[in-house]
Amino acid sequence: MDDNLKFTVSYDSQHAKIVLDLPELDLEHESDLVLDVFPHESVFTAPPYHARIPLERAGKCGKVLPEHIDYEKSSVTFRVPLDIATSSKETSSDSTFPYGFGLLYNGPLSMDTSQELKTLSNPKLHSLPDRLASMEAAEKADFSADHYGMDYIQFMIDKLGLKLSDLSPVKSLTDEQRYRANAIIGEKPKQRELIKSISEHRPVMLGMFDILLAIAYDRLTNNNELNEANSHINIQRISATLSYFVEFSNVEALLRSFYRRSCTYPFYRNKDLTQLCVDTLIERIRAATNRKDWLTTELFHAYEAFKTTDCAILNHYYIKDYIRYVELALDDALLLRIVEELEETLPEVHPEPLGFGEENVVQRLLKDVITQDSDSYATDSDDYESPVSLSDASGADDDEDDDDDGTSSQKQLSNENVLEKLMNLKLSS
């Protein structure tokens, strides 16, 4: 979807006049020119364009057809009726809860008809404490003990088959990314002013770290590549900010949330992997010679993951605003302070239980694997009892080399049995 759509909005006593510049559309043959109007914004979608247009005065909800089409200038004019009663007096019964970047948005989510946000699809109806409670209840219901336990054991054996040490170097923005970033920063003058005027940077910054941690997880588990099948799912579901529109007040709450969600929703679920994501993020921020460029590069990873999926709307409510924030209002001192707090808090949070009773599950599975492995050894020992007895009866002594070979074979057999039993348990579960 093209985010460079230019528009103007003007008002009279009863209408908002919206003029869209659409140079990439063949207006003579385009029949689906409709503006969806919500109380505080309107949405226009016609590929390659998708734009959310804020309304300073409340509009009447519904669909509006073009009032005028200028084929020479490639522009379309819509005349949006205003809700006069709502514009003049907002009653308490009409109040809703803000959400999105810096809590700057209100009203219903501006979704394409083809999109479906699979977590909290109506944040305007829920206060921040309610969103947090709903999120924690969903995590408890969704946590899979067997999946977590299997991944715990397999991580000890082969690190889940992931190349976790193969980390790409910190890179600068490409020319294309810089062009796109400048375009995003240059649009929506009102939004730019709102971002520049932010006074409480900590919750905004913690929200960005929450998203960056989810991106770090996706990069580590996909070899730093964007995976069209699961990158958008990883980032959106692991980030509490993008899933439930929550805000964090401190680093400890942020880390606990990241641990719980990274061990509940993605394909690989392991606390050591979660810890590695935090360590990697800390390392990358400190290694970046141009932190603004690096942060924007990471945010573009999410932007690209979302833009053609059901999560595309999150680019408009969060990712693009964070790109503007990095360029226009980033508090570098606070950024580094949060990095230090992450480093200090991680050793305290990592050993803590997730709160799902997962310790008992891990102990049970470990016991099952060890017990099955021990039973296998008992059987093997009986099988080889006769040859050993014959050797002893003949009076022949085993030399030290034979003992060493036996010990080596036993260790190899042990690893093979553990892997085999683990795979059997995985299949059965």
Protein backbone atom coordinates (compact mmCIF):
# COMPACT_ATOMS: atom_id res chain seq x y z
CA MET A 1 0.00 0.00 0.00
CA ASP A 2 1.25 3.46 -0.88
CA ASP A 3 1.59 5.71 2.15
CA ASN A 4 2.52 8.85 0.17
CA LEU A 5 -1.04 9.86 -0.63
CA LYS A 6 -1.43 13.64 -0.42
CA PHE A 7 -4.65 15.21 0.76
CA THR A 8 -6.15 18.44 2.07
CA VAL A 9 -9.02 18.88 4.52
CA SER A 10 -11.15 22.01 4.95
CA TYR A 11 -14.38 22.63 6.87
CA ASP A 12 -17.57 24.59 6.57
CA SER A 13 -20.44 24.64 9.05
CA GLN A 14 -21.81 21.21 8.07
CA HIS A 15 -19.18 19.43 5.99
CA ALA A 16 -15.54 18.48 5.76
CA LYS A 17 -14.14 18.81 2.26
CA ILE A 18 -11.42 16.24 1.55
CA VAL A 19 -9.37 16.42 -1.66
CA LEU A 20 -7.13 13.44 -2.51
CA ASP A 21 -4.30 13.49 -5.07
CA LEU A 22 -4.25 10.08 -6.84
CA PRO A 23 -1.72 10.26 -9.70
CA GLU A 24 -1.23 6.47 -9.82
CA LEU A 25 -4.90 5.67 -10.37
CA ASP A 26 -6.73 5.53 -13.69
CA LEU A 27 -9.69 7.56 -12.49
CA GLU A 28 -11.67 7.10 -15.71
CA HIS A 29 -11.83 3.35 -15.13
CA GLU A 30 -11.65 3.20 -11.32
CA SER A 31 -15.10 2.46 -9.92
CA ASP A 32 -14.29 1.74 -6.25
CA LEU A 33 -13.69 5.26 -4.99
CA VAL A 34 -15.27 5.32 -1.54
CA LEU A 35 -14.37 7.11 1.67
CA ASP A 36 -15.16 5.30 4.95
CA VAL A 37 -16.02 7.85 7.62
CA PHE A 38 -15.62 7.33 11.37
CA PRO A 39 -16.19 9.85 14.16
CA HIS A 40 -12.63 11.17 14.24
CA GLU A 41 -11.08 10.06 10.97
CA SER A 42 -11.83 8.81 7.48
CA VAL A 43 -10.19 5.97 5.55
CA PHE A 44 -9.52 5.77 1.82
CA THR A 45 -8.39 2.52 0.20
CA ALA A 46 -7.79 1.94 -3.50
CA PRO A 47 -4.59 0.03 -4.32
CA PRO A 48 -1.86 1.16 -4.21
CA TYR A 49 -3.26 3.77 -1.80
CA HIS A 50 -4.35 3.38 1.80
CA ALA A 51 -4.68 6.47 3.97
CA ARG A 52 -6.16 7.38 7.33
CA ILE A 53 -7.25 11.02 7.32
CA PRO A 54 -7.85 12.57 10.76
CA LEU A 55 -10.95 14.72 11.25
CA GLU A 56 -10.72 17.64 13.67
CA ARG A 57 -14.53 17.70 13.83
CA ALA A 58 -16.65 14.57 14.23
CA GLY A 59 -17.98 13.11 11.00
CA LYS A 60 -21.13 11.06 10.48
CA CYS A 61 -20.19 7.40 10.22
CA GLY A 62 -20.79 5.78 6.86
CA LYS A 63 -19.53 5.64 3.30
CA VAL A 64 -19.17 8.73 1.10
CA LEU A 65 -18.93 8.74 -2.71
CA PRO A 66 -16.91 11.36 -4.64
CA GLU A 67 -18.49 14.77 -5.08
CA HIS A 68 -16.11 15.69 -7.91
CA ILE A 69 -13.37 13.95 -9.94
CA ASP A 70 -10.75 16.04 -11.76
CA TYR A 71 -9.30 13.74 -14.39
CA GLU A 72 -6.64 16.21 -15.54
CA LYS A 73 -5.26 16.80 -12.05
CA SER A 74 -5.90 13.18 -10.92
CA SER A 75 -7.73 14.39 -7.83
CA VAL A 76 -10.95 13.32 -6.13
CA THR A 77 -13.07 15.48 -3.83
CA PHE A 78 -15.29 14.08 -1.07
CA ARG A 79 -17.83 16.09 0.91
CA VAL A 80 -18.17 14.48 4.34
CA PRO A 81 -21.23 15.35 6.49
CA LEU A 82 -20.34 16.41 10.01
CA ASP A 83 -22.09 15.17 13.13
CA ILE A 84 -23.05 18.60 14.43
CA ALA A 85 -24.36 17.40 17.80
CA THR A 86 -21.24 15.40 18.54
CA SER A 87 -18.93 18.14 17.33
CA SER A 88 -20.55 20.72 19.56
CA LYS A 89 -20.86 18.58 22.68
CA GLU A 90 -19.12 15.35 23.59
CA THR A 91 -21.12 13.61 26.33
CA SER A 92 -19.60 11.26 28.90
CA SER A 93 -21.51 8.32 27.42
CA ASP A 94 -19.65 8.87 24.14
CA SER A 95 -16.21 8.84 25.76
CA THR A 96 -13.78 6.16 24.67
CA PHE A 97 -10.25 5.21 25.68
CA PRO A 98 -7.25 6.39 23.64
CA TYR A 99 -4.74 3.96 22.16
CA GLY A 100 -1.89 3.70 19.66
CA PHE A 101 1.42 5.53 19.66
CA GLY A 102 1.52 7.93 22.61
CA LEU A 103 -2.22 7.32 23.12
CA LEU A 104 -2.83 9.79 20.29
CA TYR A 105 -5.73 7.87 18.69
CA ASN A 106 -9.35 7.33 19.58
CA GLY A 107 -12.52 5.87 18.09
CA PRO A 108 -12.81 2.59 16.15
CA LEU A 109 -9.83 0.99 14.46
CA SER A 110 -9.64 1.99 10.79
CA MET A 111 -9.56 -1.47 9.26
CA ASP A 112 -9.80 -2.55 5.66
CA THR A 113 -12.77 -4.83 5.14
CA SER A 114 -10.31 -7.62 4.29
CA GLN A 115 -8.33 -7.21 7.52
CA GLU A 116 -8.91 -8.81 10.87
CA LEU A 117 -6.84 -7.96 13.92
CA LYS A 118 -6.82 -11.24 15.78
CA THR A 119 -6.17 -9.87 19.28
CA LEU A 120 -7.81 -6.71 20.63
CA SER A 121 -9.91 -5.44 17.73
CA ASN A 122 -11.71 -2.69 19.68
CA PRO A 123 -9.17 -0.98 22.00
CA LYS A 124 -11.36 2.12 22.33
CA LEU A 125 -13.69 0.15 24.63
CA HIS A 126 -10.99 -0.91 27.11
CA SER A 127 -8.98 1.10 29.60
CA LEU A 128 -5.25 0.43 29.93
CA PRO A 129 -5.71 -1.72 33.10
CA ASP A 130 -8.49 -3.69 31.36
CA ARG A 131 -6.27 -4.32 28.33
CA LEU A 132 -3.50 -5.61 30.57
CA ALA A 133 -5.90 -7.91 32.43
CA SER A 134 -7.34 -9.25 29.16
CA MET A 135 -3.85 -9.87 27.83
CA GLU A 136 -2.70 -11.82 30.90
CA ALA A 137 -5.88 -13.90 30.90
CA ALA A 138 -5.35 -14.76 27.22
CA GLU A 139 -1.71 -15.73 27.88
CA LYS A 140 -2.76 -18.08 30.66
CA ALA A 141 -5.40 -19.69 28.44
CA ASP A 142 -3.11 -19.95 25.40
CA PHE A 143 0.04 -21.26 27.10
CA SER A 144 0.88 -24.78 25.93
CA ALA A 145 2.71 -26.72 28.63
CA ASP A 146 3.70 -29.57 26.31
CA HIS A 147 5.04 -27.24 23.61
CA TYR A 148 7.07 -25.26 26.15
CA GLY A 149 8.40 -28.42 27.82
CA MET A 150 9.46 -30.02 24.56
CA ASP A 151 11.26 -26.86 23.44
CA TYR A 152 12.98 -26.61 26.83
CA ILE A 153 14.51 -30.06 26.43
CA GLN A 154 15.35 -29.68 22.76
CA PHE A 155 17.07 -26.34 23.39
CA MET A 156 19.42 -28.13 25.80
CA ILE A 157 20.21 -30.72 23.13
CA ASP A 158 20.63 -28.74 19.90
CA LYS A 159 19.48 -25.13 20.53
CA LEU A 160 16.26 -25.94 18.64
CA GLY A 161 18.32 -26.32 15.47
CA LEU A 162 18.73 -22.52 15.26
CA LYS A 163 21.94 -20.77 14.17
CA LEU A 164 21.80 -18.37 17.08
CA SER A 165 25.43 -17.25 16.84
CA ASP A 166 25.12 -16.27 13.17
CA LEU A 167 24.24 -12.62 13.74
CA SER A 168 24.52 -10.10 10.94
CA PRO A 169 26.41 -6.83 11.64
CA VAL A 170 24.63 -3.60 12.47
CA LYS A 171 23.76 -1.97 9.14
CA SER A 172 22.86 1.55 8.08
CA LEU A 173 19.72 2.55 6.23
CA THR A 174 19.68 1.77 2.53
CA ASP A 175 18.98 4.59 0.09
CA GLU A 176 15.50 3.20 -0.47
CA GLN A 177 14.80 3.04 3.27
CA ARG A 178 16.09 6.59 3.75
CA TYR A 179 13.79 7.81 0.97
CA ARG A 180 10.83 6.01 2.54
CA ALA A 181 11.68 7.30 6.02
CA ASN A 182 11.85 10.89 4.75
CA ALA A 183 8.48 10.43 3.04
CA ILE A 184 6.92 9.15 6.28
CA ILE A 185 8.46 11.97 8.30
CA GLY A 186 7.29 14.55 5.78
CA GLU A 187 3.61 13.60 5.77
CA LYS A 188 0.93 14.62 8.30
CA PRO A 189 2.19 17.97 9.70
CA LYS A 190 -0.22 17.75 12.62
CA GLN A 191 1.13 14.35 13.63
CA ARG A 192 4.69 15.65 13.52
CA GLU A 193 3.80 18.48 15.88
CA LEU A 194 2.07 16.09 18.28
CA ILE A 195 5.15 13.84 18.36
CA LYS A 196 7.47 16.79 18.95
CA SER A 197 5.32 17.93 21.87
CA ILE A 198 5.43 14.61 23.77
CA SER A 199 6.28 15.27 27.42
CA GLU A 200 6.19 11.73 28.86
CA HIS A 201 8.86 9.90 26.85
CA ARG A 202 9.31 6.84 29.08
CA PRO A 203 6.07 4.94 28.22
CA VAL A 204 6.57 5.81 24.54
CA MET A 205 10.17 4.58 24.66
CA LEU A 206 9.23 1.39 26.53
CA GLY A 207 6.64 0.66 23.84
CA MET A 208 9.37 0.98 21.22
CA PHE A 209 11.63 -1.41 23.18
CA ASP A 210 8.74 -3.88 23.39
CA ILE A 211 8.46 -3.82 19.59
CA LEU A 212 12.25 -4.00 19.14
CA LEU A 213 12.44 -7.11 21.34
CA ALA A 214 9.80 -8.82 19.21
CA ILE A 215 11.77 -7.85 16.10
CA ALA A 216 14.96 -9.24 17.69
CA TYR A 217 13.15 -12.54 18.30
CA ASP A 218 12.00 -12.69 14.69
CA ARG A 219 15.48 -11.92 13.36
CA LEU A 220 17.16 -14.53 15.57
CA THR A 221 14.74 -17.30 14.65
CA ASN A 222 14.68 -16.46 10.92
CA ASN A 223 18.43 -15.94 10.38
CA ASN A 224 17.97 -12.16 10.09
CA GLU A 225 15.67 -12.64 7.09
CA LEU A 226 12.10 -11.42 6.72
CA ASN A 227 9.90 -14.52 6.63
CA GLU A 228 6.69 -13.78 4.73
CA ALA A 229 4.92 -16.66 6.47
CA ASN A 230 5.57 -15.85 10.11
CA SER A 231 7.48 -12.59 10.68
CA HIS A 232 4.32 -10.50 10.98
CA ILE A 233 2.80 -13.06 13.35
CA ASN A 234 5.92 -13.21 15.51
CA ILE A 235 6.24 -9.46 15.88
CA GLN A 236 2.56 -8.68 16.42
CA ARG A 237 1.79 -11.51 18.85
CA ILE A 238 4.99 -11.27 20.92
CA SER A 239 4.74 -7.49 21.34
CA ALA A 240 2.12 -6.64 23.95
CA THR A 241 2.10 -3.09 22.56
CA LEU A 242 1.01 -4.29 19.13
CA SER A 243 -1.33 -7.02 20.40
CA TYR A 244 -3.21 -5.36 23.24
CA PHE A 245 -2.32 -1.67 22.92
CA VAL A 246 -0.88 -1.67 26.44
CA GLU A 247 1.62 0.76 27.93
CA PHE A 248 4.49 -0.07 30.29
CA SER A 249 5.62 2.13 33.15
CA ASN A 250 8.88 0.31 33.95
CA VAL A 251 11.45 -2.05 32.45
CA GLU A 252 10.60 -4.90 34.82
CA ALA A 253 6.99 -5.09 33.61
CA LEU A 254 8.21 -4.88 30.00
CA LEU A 255 10.63 -7.80 30.45
CA ARG A 256 8.08 -10.00 32.23
CA SER A 257 5.62 -9.42 29.42
CA PHE A 258 8.23 -10.26 26.77
CA TYR A 259 9.16 -13.47 28.60
CA ARG A 260 5.56 -14.60 28.93
CA ARG A 261 4.56 -13.83 25.37
CA SER A 262 7.72 -15.16 23.71
CA CYS A 263 7.15 -18.46 25.57
CA THR A 264 3.45 -18.61 24.63
CA TYR A 265 2.88 -17.59 21.00
CA PRO A 266 5.78 -18.18 18.59
CA PHE A 267 6.91 -21.54 17.20
CA TYR A 268 10.08 -21.71 19.35
CA ARG A 269 9.40 -21.20 23.07
CA ASN A 270 12.33 -21.07 25.45
CA LYS A 271 13.44 -18.66 28.18
CA ASP A 272 17.11 -18.89 27.17
CA LEU A 273 16.13 -17.82 23.67
CA THR A 274 14.19 -14.92 25.20
CA GLN A 275 17.25 -13.92 27.22
CA LEU A 276 19.37 -14.03 24.09
CA CYS A 277 16.95 -11.64 22.36
CA VAL A 278 17.36 -9.11 25.18
CA ASP A 279 21.15 -9.48 25.18
CA THR A 280 21.22 -9.08 21.41
CA LEU A 281 19.12 -5.91 21.50
CA ILE A 282 21.40 -4.39 24.14
CA GLU A 283 24.46 -5.34 22.11
CA ARG A 284 23.06 -3.93 18.87
CA ILE A 285 22.04 -0.58 20.34
CA ARG A 286 25.47 -0.09 21.89
CA ALA A 287 27.26 -1.20 18.73
CA ALA A 288 25.35 1.17 16.44
CA THR A 289 27.40 4.19 15.39
CA ASN A 290 24.22 5.95 14.24
CA ARG A 291 21.47 4.88 16.62
CA LYS A 292 18.70 6.75 14.80
CA ASP A 293 19.46 4.99 11.53
CA TRP A 294 19.70 1.60 13.25
CA LEU A 295 16.40 2.05 15.08
CA THR A 296 14.69 3.08 11.85
CA THR A 297 16.16 0.04 10.09
CA GLU A 298 14.68 -2.25 12.76
CA LEU A 299 11.30 -0.53 12.57
CA PHE A 300 11.31 -1.01 8.81
CA HIS A 301 11.67 -4.75 9.42
CA ALA A 302 8.27 -4.65 11.14
CA TYR A 303 6.89 -2.24 8.54
CA GLU A 304 7.78 -4.61 5.70
CA ALA A 305 6.44 -7.61 7.61
CA PHE A 306 3.08 -5.92 8.20
CA LYS A 307 2.38 -3.98 5.02
CA THR A 308 0.69 -6.73 2.97
CA THR A 309 -0.91 -8.67 5.85
CA ASP A 310 -3.81 -8.36 8.27
CA CYS A 311 -1.41 -6.45 10.55
CA ALA A 312 -1.00 -3.58 8.04
CA ILE A 313 -3.08 -1.27 10.21
CA LEU A 314 -0.38 -1.43 12.90
CA ASN A 315 1.95 0.46 10.58
CA HIS A 316 -0.45 3.39 10.80
CA TYR A 317 -1.10 3.26 14.54
CA TYR A 318 2.46 2.52 15.67
CA ILE A 319 5.34 1.81 13.28
CA LYS A 320 5.20 4.95 11.14
CA ASP A 321 4.76 7.13 14.21
CA TYR A 322 7.76 5.47 15.83
CA ILE A 323 9.82 6.18 12.70
CA ARG A 324 8.79 9.84 13.04
CA TYR A 325 9.55 9.73 16.77
CA VAL A 326 13.09 8.40 16.22
CA GLU A 327 13.85 11.21 13.80
CA LEU A 328 11.99 14.08 15.45
CA ALA A 329 11.89 13.52 19.20
CA LEU A 330 14.18 10.67 20.29
CA ASP A 331 15.61 11.16 23.79
CA ASP A 332 19.02 9.54 23.36
CA ALA A 333 19.91 9.80 27.05
CA LEU A 334 16.69 8.01 28.05
CA LEU A 335 17.32 5.37 25.38
CA LEU A 336 20.70 4.49 26.91
CA ARG A 337 19.26 4.63 30.42
CA ILE A 338 16.64 2.03 29.48
CA VAL A 339 19.38 -0.13 27.98
CA GLU A 340 21.19 0.00 31.34
CA GLU A 341 17.96 -0.83 33.17
CA LEU A 342 17.42 -3.83 30.88
CA GLU A 343 20.93 -5.04 31.68
CA GLU A 344 20.38 -4.63 35.41
CA THR A 345 16.88 -6.16 35.51
CA LEU A 346 17.43 -9.15 33.18
CA PRO A 347 19.30 -11.31 35.77
CA GLU A 348 16.40 -10.84 38.19
CA VAL A 349 13.59 -11.58 35.73
CA HIS A 350 15.17 -14.49 33.81
CA PRO A 351 15.09 -17.10 36.63
CA GLU A 352 11.58 -16.15 37.76
CA PRO A 353 8.69 -18.49 36.83
CA LEU A 354 6.49 -17.34 33.98
CA GLY A 355 3.41 -17.93 36.12
CA PHE A 356 1.99 -20.82 34.10
CA GLY A 357 3.21 -23.70 36.31
CA GLU A 358 5.75 -24.51 33.61
CA GLU A 359 8.43 -25.69 36.10
CA ASN A 360 6.40 -28.78 36.99
CA VAL A 361 5.88 -29.58 33.32
CA VAL A 362 9.60 -29.37 32.59
CA GLN A 363 10.49 -31.60 35.54
CA ARG A 364 7.91 -34.18 34.50
CA LEU A 365 9.16 -34.30 30.91
CA LEU A 366 12.79 -34.52 32.00
CA LYS A 367 11.88 -37.39 34.30
CA ASP A 368 10.00 -39.14 31.47
CA VAL A 369 12.94 -38.84 29.09
CA ILE A 370 15.50 -39.98 31.69
CA THR A 371 13.31 -42.87 32.84
CA GLN A 372 12.72 -44.10 29.29
CA ASP A 373 16.42 -43.72 28.56
CA SER A 374 17.34 -45.71 31.69
CA ASP A 375 14.89 -48.48 30.74
CA SER A 376 16.55 -48.64 27.33
CA TYR A 377 19.96 -49.11 28.95
CA ALA A 378 18.65 -51.90 31.17
CA THR A 379 17.43 -53.76 28.10
CA ASP A 380 20.70 -53.22 26.25
CA SER A 381 22.67 -54.45 29.26
CA ASP A 382 20.72 -57.72 29.39
CA ASP A 383 21.18 -58.20 25.68
CA TYR A 384 24.94 -58.00 25.99
CA GLU A 385 25.25 -60.04 29.18
CA SER A 386 25.99 -63.36 27.45
CA PRO A 387 28.95 -62.21 25.35
CA VAL A 388 30.54 -60.57 28.41
CA SER A 389 30.07 -63.75 30.49
CA LEU A 390 31.64 -65.86 27.76
CA SER A 391 34.62 -63.53 27.69
CA ASP A 392 35.03 -63.72 31.46
CA ALA A 393 34.73 -67.53 31.41
CA SER A 394 37.56 -67.79 28.90
CA GLY A 395 39.80 -65.81 31.28
CA ALA A 396 40.41 -62.95 28.78
CA ASP A 397 40.79 -59.45 30.31
CA ASP A 398 39.52 -56.26 28.67
CA ASP A 399 42.24 -53.66 28.12
CA GLU A 400 41.86 -49.95 28.88
CA ASP A 401 41.26 -49.04 25.22
CA ASP A 402 38.21 -51.29 25.13
CA ASP A 403 36.86 -49.60 28.27
CA ASP A 404 37.33 -46.17 26.72
CA ASP A 405 35.58 -47.26 23.54
CA GLY A 406 32.70 -48.63 25.59
CA THR A 407 32.34 -45.40 27.53
CA SER A 408 32.35 -43.37 24.30
CA SER A 409 29.77 -45.64 22.72
CA GLN A 410 27.61 -45.39 25.84
CA LYS A 411 27.64 -41.57 25.70
CA GLN A 412 26.76 -41.60 22.01
CA LEU A 413 23.96 -44.07 22.65
CA SER A 414 22.74 -41.88 25.52
CA ASN A 415 22.44 -38.84 23.25
CA GLU A 416 20.72 -40.88 20.55
CA ASN A 417 18.24 -42.33 23.05
CA VAL A 418 17.41 -38.91 24.51
CA LEU A 419 16.79 -37.49 21.04
CA GLU A 420 14.72 -40.51 20.04
CA LYS A 421 12.60 -40.39 23.20
CA LEU A 422 12.19 -36.65 22.81
CA MET A 423 10.94 -37.03 19.26
CA ASN A 424 8.56 -39.79 20.36
CA LEU A 425 7.19 -37.54 23.09
CA LYS A 426 6.82 -34.69 20.58
CA LEU A 427 4.91 -36.88 18.17
CA SER A 428 2.65 -38.29 20.86
CA SER A 429 1.81 -34.83 22.20
